[in-house]
Amino acid sequence: MGKVALVLVIIGAVNWLLVGLFEWDLVTALLGGDSHRESSMISRIVYFLVGICGLYCIKYLFTNDSHART
């Protein structure tokens, strides 16, 4: 369950990265709707930072978390 949640968080973060960089919403484009967003520069910076953090978290998909159980 934890890996599924992590994958969804990463997908969301990458989507925000795309919004921050290109003002383009991948999820909306795939599921229907207007995929272009008007955003302020500050909100785009926040979206960018969230997206970068999501990319950073990809490494946690491939780590063994058995040490956390002990």
Protein backbone atom coordinates (compact mmCIF):
# COMPACT_ATOMS: atom_id res chain seq x y z
CA MET A 1 0.00 0.00 0.00
CA GLY A 2 2.87 2.36 0.79
CA LYS A 3 4.44 1.93 -2.67
CA VAL A 4 1.09 2.64 -4.38
CA ALA A 5 0.68 5.81 -2.32
CA LEU A 6 4.23 6.86 -3.16
CA VAL A 7 3.64 6.31 -6.90
CA LEU A 8 0.49 8.47 -6.76
CA VAL A 9 2.33 11.21 -4.87
CA ILE A 10 5.13 11.14 -7.46
CA ILE A 11 2.64 11.33 -10.34
CA GLY A 12 0.96 14.30 -8.66
CA ALA A 13 4.29 16.01 -8.07
CA VAL A 14 5.41 15.50 -11.67
CA ASN A 15 2.07 16.93 -12.80
CA TRP A 16 2.69 20.03 -10.66
CA LEU A 17 6.20 20.27 -12.14
CA LEU A 18 4.65 20.40 -15.62
CA VAL A 19 2.19 23.05 -14.43
CA GLY A 20 5.04 25.06 -12.92
CA LEU A 21 7.28 24.86 -15.96
CA PHE A 22 4.83 24.90 -18.86
CA GLU A 23 1.44 25.80 -17.34
CA TRP A 24 0.24 22.43 -18.69
CA ASP A 25 -1.76 19.94 -16.58
CA LEU A 26 -1.02 16.35 -17.65
CA VAL A 27 -3.79 14.76 -15.58
CA THR A 28 -6.43 17.09 -16.99
CA ALA A 29 -5.10 16.52 -20.51
CA LEU A 30 -5.36 12.75 -20.08
CA LEU A 31 -8.76 12.75 -18.36
CA GLY A 32 -10.42 15.55 -20.30
CA GLY A 33 -10.71 19.26 -19.75
CA ASP A 34 -8.71 22.40 -20.34
CA SER A 35 -5.08 21.43 -19.75
CA HIS A 36 -3.65 24.96 -19.73
CA ARG A 37 -3.55 26.89 -16.47
CA GLU A 38 -2.94 30.53 -15.78
CA SER A 39 -0.75 30.75 -12.67
CA SER A 40 1.11 33.48 -10.83
CA MET A 41 4.88 33.34 -10.79
CA ILE A 42 4.95 32.51 -7.07
CA SER A 43 2.54 29.60 -7.48
CA ARG A 44 4.56 28.33 -10.43
CA ILE A 45 7.69 28.35 -8.25
CA VAL A 46 5.86 26.34 -5.58
CA TYR A 47 4.61 23.87 -8.22
CA PHE A 48 8.15 23.55 -9.56
CA LEU A 49 9.59 22.84 -6.09
CA VAL A 50 6.90 20.24 -5.35
CA GLY A 51 7.68 18.58 -8.68
CA ILE A 52 11.41 18.47 -8.02
CA CYS A 53 10.71 16.88 -4.62
CA GLY A 54 8.52 14.30 -6.35
CA LEU A 55 11.35 13.40 -8.71
CA TYR A 56 13.67 13.09 -5.71
CA CYS A 57 11.22 10.65 -4.07
CA ILE A 58 11.43 8.22 -6.99
CA LYS A 59 14.49 6.71 -5.33
CA TYR A 60 12.32 5.59 -2.40
CA LEU A 61 10.40 3.25 -4.71
CA PHE A 62 13.53 1.18 -5.08
CA THR A 63 14.78 1.11 -1.50
CA ASN A 64 14.28 -1.77 0.88
CA ASP A 65 12.32 -0.49 3.86
CA SER A 66 12.85 -3.59 6.01
CA HIS A 67 15.07 -1.60 8.39
CA ALA A 68 12.06 0.57 9.25
CA ARG A 69 10.14 -2.46 10.52
CA THR A 70 12.72 -3.45 13.14
